[in-house]
C-alpha atoms as a PDB file:
ATOM      1  CA  MET A   1       0.000   0.000   0.000  1.00  0.00           C
ATOM      2  CA  LYS A   2       1.379   3.408  -1.028  1.00  0.00           C
ATOM      3  CA  ILE A   3       0.345   6.309   1.198  1.00  0.00           C
ATOM      4  CA  TYR A   4       0.789  10.039   0.720  1.00  0.00           C
ATOM      5  CA  LEU A   5       0.885  11.807   4.091  1.00  0.00           C
ATOM      6  CA  ALA A   6      -0.577  15.312   3.789  1.00  0.00           C
ATOM      7  CA  SER A   7       0.202  17.520   6.754  1.00  0.00           C
ATOM      8  CA  PRO A   8       1.491  20.922   7.707  1.00  0.00           C
ATOM      9  CA  PHE A   9       4.827  20.916   9.547  1.00  0.00           C
ATOM     10  CA  PHE A  10       5.321  24.565  10.436  1.00  0.00           C
ATOM     11  CA  ASN A  11       5.403  24.436  14.253  1.00  0.00           C
ATOM     12  CA  GLU A  12       6.455  22.013  16.991  1.00  0.00           C
ATOM     13  CA  THR A  13       2.987  20.457  17.452  1.00  0.00           C
ATOM     14  CA  GLU A  14       2.612  19.816  13.726  1.00  0.00           C
ATOM     15  CA  LEU A  15       6.144  18.392  13.532  1.00  0.00           C
ATOM     16  CA  GLN A  16       5.527  16.020  16.441  1.00  0.00           C
ATOM     17  CA  ASN A  17       2.257  14.782  14.931  1.00  0.00           C
ATOM     18  CA  VAL A  18       3.565  14.285  11.402  1.00  0.00           C
ATOM     19  CA  LYS A  19       6.619  12.438  12.735  1.00  0.00           C
ATOM     20  CA  ARG A  20       4.335  10.189  14.788  1.00  0.00           C
ATOM     21  CA  ALA A  21       2.112   9.498  11.760  1.00  0.00           C
ATOM     22  CA  GLU A  22       5.180   8.748   9.587  1.00  0.00           C
ATOM     23  CA  ASP A  23       6.433   6.341  12.240  1.00  0.00           C
ATOM     24  CA  ILE A  24       3.056   4.597  12.595  1.00  0.00           C
ATOM     25  CA  LEU A  25       2.609   4.134   8.847  1.00  0.00           C
ATOM     26  CA  MET A  26       6.181   3.042   8.163  1.00  0.00           C
ATOM     27  CA  LYS A  27       6.169   0.553  11.061  1.00  0.00           C
ATOM     28  CA  ARG A  28       3.023  -0.940   9.558  1.00  0.00           C
ATOM     29  CA  GLY A  29       5.017  -1.626   6.387  1.00  0.00           C
ATOM     30  CA  PHE A  30       3.420   0.953   4.113  1.00  0.00           C
ATOM     31  CA  ASP A  31       5.369   2.752   1.405  1.00  0.00           C
ATOM     32  CA  VAL A  32       4.978   6.337   2.642  1.00  0.00           C
ATOM     33  CA  PHE A  33       5.626   9.621   0.868  1.00  0.00           C
ATOM     34  CA  SER A  34       5.782  12.518   3.301  1.00  0.00           C
ATOM     35  CA  PRO A  35       6.549  15.961   1.846  1.00  0.00           C
ATOM     36  CA  ARG A  36       8.361  16.765   5.098  1.00  0.00           C
ATOM     37  CA  LEU A  37      10.908  14.048   4.353  1.00  0.00           C
ATOM     38  CA  ASN A  38      11.134  14.896   0.661  1.00  0.00           C
ATOM     39  CA  GLU A  39      11.464  18.664   0.542  1.00  0.00           C
ATOM     40  CA  VAL A  40      13.181  20.152  -2.500  1.00  0.00           C
ATOM     41  CA  ARG A  41      14.053  23.411  -0.777  1.00  0.00           C
ATOM     42  CA  THR A  42      17.469  24.828  -0.126  1.00  0.00           C
ATOM     43  CA  ASP A  43      18.405  28.244   1.241  1.00  0.00           C
ATOM     44  CA  GLU A  44      19.332  29.572  -2.181  1.00  0.00           C
ATOM     45  CA  ASN A  45      16.216  28.448  -4.065  1.00  0.00           C
ATOM     46  CA  THR A  46      13.379  28.840  -1.544  1.00  0.00           C
ATOM     47  CA  GLN A  47      10.843  31.406  -2.739  1.00  0.00           C
ATOM     48  CA  LYS A  48      11.987  31.169  -6.367  1.00  0.00           C
ATOM     49  CA  ALA A  49       9.566  30.210  -9.116  1.00  0.00           C
ATOM     50  CA  SER A  50      11.612  27.129 -10.021  1.00  0.00           C
ATOM     51  CA  TRP A  51      11.488  25.845  -6.422  1.00  0.00           C
ATOM     52  CA  SER A  52       7.744  26.527  -6.256  1.00  0.00           C
ATOM     53  CA  ARG A  53       7.033  24.651  -9.485  1.00  0.00           C
ATOM     54  CA  GLU A  54       9.323  21.728  -8.619  1.00  0.00           C
ATOM     55  CA  THR A  55       7.744  21.321  -5.173  1.00  0.00           C
ATOM     56  CA  PHE A  56       4.207  21.450  -6.593  1.00  0.00           C
ATOM     57  CA  LEU A  57       4.912  18.925  -9.358  1.00  0.00           C
ATOM     58  CA  ASN A  58       6.745  16.553  -7.004  1.00  0.00           C
ATOM     59  CA  ASP A  59       3.914  16.520  -4.475  1.00  0.00           C
ATOM     60  CA  LYS A  60       1.269  16.136  -7.201  1.00  0.00           C
ATOM     61  CA  ARG A  61       3.216  13.246  -8.737  1.00  0.00           C
ATOM     62  CA  PHE A  62       3.233  11.402  -5.415  1.00  0.00           C
ATOM     63  CA  ILE A  63      -0.471  11.992  -4.812  1.00  0.00           C
ATOM     64  CA  ASP A  64      -1.041  10.385  -8.231  1.00  0.00           C
ATOM     65  CA  TRP A  65       1.260   7.512  -7.169  1.00  0.00           C
ATOM     66  CA  ALA A  66      -0.553   6.865  -3.883  1.00  0.00           C
ATOM     67  CA  ASP A  67      -3.262   4.304  -3.161  1.00  0.00           C
ATOM     68  CA  ALA A  68      -4.537   6.512  -0.322  1.00  0.00           C
ATOM     69  CA  VAL A  69      -3.918   9.911   1.226  1.00  0.00           C
ATOM     70  CA  VAL A  70      -3.755  10.389   4.985  1.00  0.00           C
ATOM     71  CA  MET A  71      -4.434  13.974   6.050  1.00  0.00           C
ATOM     72  CA  LEU A  72      -3.483  15.366   9.451  1.00  0.00           C
ATOM     73  CA  TYR A  73      -6.168  17.982  10.034  1.00  0.00           C
ATOM     74  CA  TYR A  74      -6.317  20.625  12.737  1.00  0.00           C
ATOM     75  CA  GLY A  75      -9.911  21.723  12.231  1.00  0.00           C
ATOM     76  CA  GLY A  76     -10.718  25.407  11.799  1.00  0.00           C
ATOM     77  CA  TYR A  77      -7.054  26.046  11.191  1.00  0.00           C
ATOM     78  CA  SER A  78      -6.220  24.346   7.947  1.00  0.00           C
ATOM     79  CA  ASP A  79      -3.003  24.583   6.008  1.00  0.00           C
ATOM     80  CA  SER A  80      -3.987  25.599   2.481  1.00  0.00           C
ATOM     81  CA  GLY A  81      -1.436  23.252   0.883  1.00  0.00           C
ATOM     82  CA  THR A  82      -2.706  20.277   2.856  1.00  0.00           C
ATOM     83  CA  ALA A  83      -6.292  21.167   1.983  1.00  0.00           C
ATOM     84  CA  TRP A  84      -5.370  21.384  -1.715  1.00  0.00           C
ATOM     85  CA  GLU A  85      -3.609  17.996  -1.613  1.00  0.00           C
ATOM     86  CA  CYS A  86      -6.700  16.320  -0.199  1.00  0.00           C
ATOM     87  CA  GLY A  87      -9.073  18.062  -2.569  1.00  0.00           C
ATOM     88  CA  TYR A  88      -6.934  16.956  -5.489  1.00  0.00           C
ATOM     89  CA  ALA A  89      -6.859  13.384  -4.151  1.00  0.00           C
ATOM     90  CA  TYR A  90     -10.647  13.378  -3.832  1.00  0.00           C
ATOM     91  CA  GLY A  91     -10.966  14.717  -7.387  1.00  0.00           C
ATOM     92  CA  THR A  92      -8.828  11.871  -8.711  1.00  0.00           C
ATOM     93  CA  ASN A  93     -10.744   9.194  -6.745  1.00  0.00           C
ATOM     94  CA  THR A  94      -7.892   8.516  -4.345  1.00  0.00           C
ATOM     95  CA  PRO A  95      -9.358   7.680  -0.905  1.00  0.00           C
ATOM     96  CA  VAL A  96      -8.607  10.228   1.820  1.00  0.00           C
ATOM     97  CA  VAL A  97      -8.380   9.263   5.487  1.00  0.00           C
ATOM     98  CA  VAL A  98      -8.605  12.327   7.728  1.00  0.00           C
ATOM     99  CA  VAL A  99      -6.854  12.187  11.086  1.00  0.00           C
ATOM    100  CA  HIS A 100      -8.609  14.788  13.242  1.00  0.00           C
ATOM    101  CA  LEU A 101      -6.356  16.709  15.614  1.00  0.00           C
ATOM    102  CA  GLY A 102      -8.533  19.768  16.177  1.00  0.00           C
ATOM    103  CA  GLU A 103     -11.773  20.715  17.875  1.00  0.00           C
ATOM    104  CA  ASP A 104     -13.945  20.895  14.744  1.00  0.00           C
ATOM    105  CA  SER A 105     -14.094  20.158  11.029  1.00  0.00           C
ATOM    106  CA  ASN A 106     -14.991  21.975   7.850  1.00  0.00           C
ATOM    107  CA  LEU A 107     -17.674  20.010   6.004  1.00  0.00           C
ATOM    108  CA  MET A 108     -15.630  20.109   2.783  1.00  0.00           C
ATOM    109  CA  VAL A 109     -12.863  18.170   4.524  1.00  0.00           C
ATOM    110  CA  HIS A 110     -14.838  15.483   6.336  1.00  0.00           C
ATOM    111  CA  GLU A 111     -17.409  14.977   3.572  1.00  0.00           C
ATOM    112  CA  GLY A 112     -14.599  14.581   1.028  1.00  0.00           C
ATOM    113  CA  SER A 113     -12.978  11.800   3.004  1.00  0.00           C
ATOM    114  CA  GLN A 114     -13.466   8.056   3.183  1.00  0.00           C
ATOM    115  CA  SER A 115     -12.856   7.889   6.916  1.00  0.00           C
ATOM    116  CA  ASN A 116     -12.457  10.272   9.846  1.00  0.00           C
ATOM    117  CA  ILE A 117     -10.240   8.915  12.602  1.00  0.00           C
ATOM    118  CA  THR A 118      -7.912   9.901  15.443  1.00  0.00           C
ATOM    119  CA  LEU A 119      -4.142   9.593  15.442  1.00  0.00           C
ATOM    120  CA  GLY A 120      -4.433   6.610  17.784  1.00  0.00           C
ATOM    121  CA  GLU A 121      -6.841   4.877  15.394  1.00  0.00           C
ATOM    122  CA  LEU A 122      -4.272   5.222  12.598  1.00  0.00           C
ATOM    123  CA  GLU A 123      -2.294   2.405  14.235  1.00  0.00           C
ATOM    124  CA  ALA A 124      -4.955  -0.170  13.357  1.00  0.00           C
ATOM    125  CA  PHE A 125      -6.914   1.427  10.507  1.00  0.00           C
ATOM    126  CA  ASP A 126      -7.708  -1.153   7.798  1.00  0.00           C
ATOM    127  CA  PHE A 127      -6.372   0.374   4.588  1.00  0.00           C
ATOM    128  CA  GLU A 128      -7.290  -2.744   2.616  1.00  0.00           C
ATOM    129  CA  LYS A 129     -11.016  -2.587   3.436  1.00  0.00           C
ATOM    130  CA  MET A 130     -11.004   1.215   3.734  1.00  0.00           C
ATOM    131  CA  PRO A 131     -14.130   1.358   5.913  1.00  0.00           C
ATOM    132  CA  ARG A 132     -16.308   4.424   5.703  1.00  0.00           C
ATOM    133  CA  LYS A 133     -16.294   6.306   8.991  1.00  0.00           C
ATOM    134  CA  PRO A 134     -18.218   9.597   8.990  1.00  0.00           C
ATOM    135  CA  TYR A 135     -17.195  12.553  11.119  1.00  0.00           C
ATOM    136  CA  ALA A 136     -19.301  12.969  14.268  1.00  0.00           C
ATOM    137  CA  GLY A 137     -17.853  16.046  15.988  1.00  0.00           C
ATOM    138  CA  LYS A 138     -18.448  19.765  15.840  1.00  0.00           C
ATOM    139  CA  MET A 139     -18.600  20.928  12.237  1.00  0.00           C
ATOM    140  CA  PHE A 140     -18.893  24.088  10.204  1.00  0.00           C
END
C-alpha cells in the first residue's frame, strides 16, 4: 500500500504529529511519501519560481502515485497546501483518510474523506477494506 501523508509541519505540534504518523505508517510496512521528508528546498532556491514549481509537481506526482492519502487535520485552522492535496486526491478518486487533531471540522474536509479517525486509530486502521467512517464532531 502506497500512502501520501498530507500535513502541515510549520510548528512544533505539527512536527511532532507528522513524525508520529510517519512512524506509525512506516512501522506498519506501508510505502509512505511525506513531503516533510522529501522537501526540495534549499536556502538559495526557496521562494523562487523554479522551487515553487518543482515542489508542486513533485507533491502532485506522489499523490497520483498513492493508493490513499492520509491527512493530518487541525480543524478550523487548515493549512492551504494540505487542503489542496486532499481536494486533489478526492478529485482523482484517491481515498482520503482524515486524522482529526482539532476541535472541529470543515464540512468540505470530512465529507470529502473516506474515513475520519484519530491519530491513535491510525495504528490499526484497515487500509485494505477502507471502511467508511463519517465525522461525528463539531462541524462548520
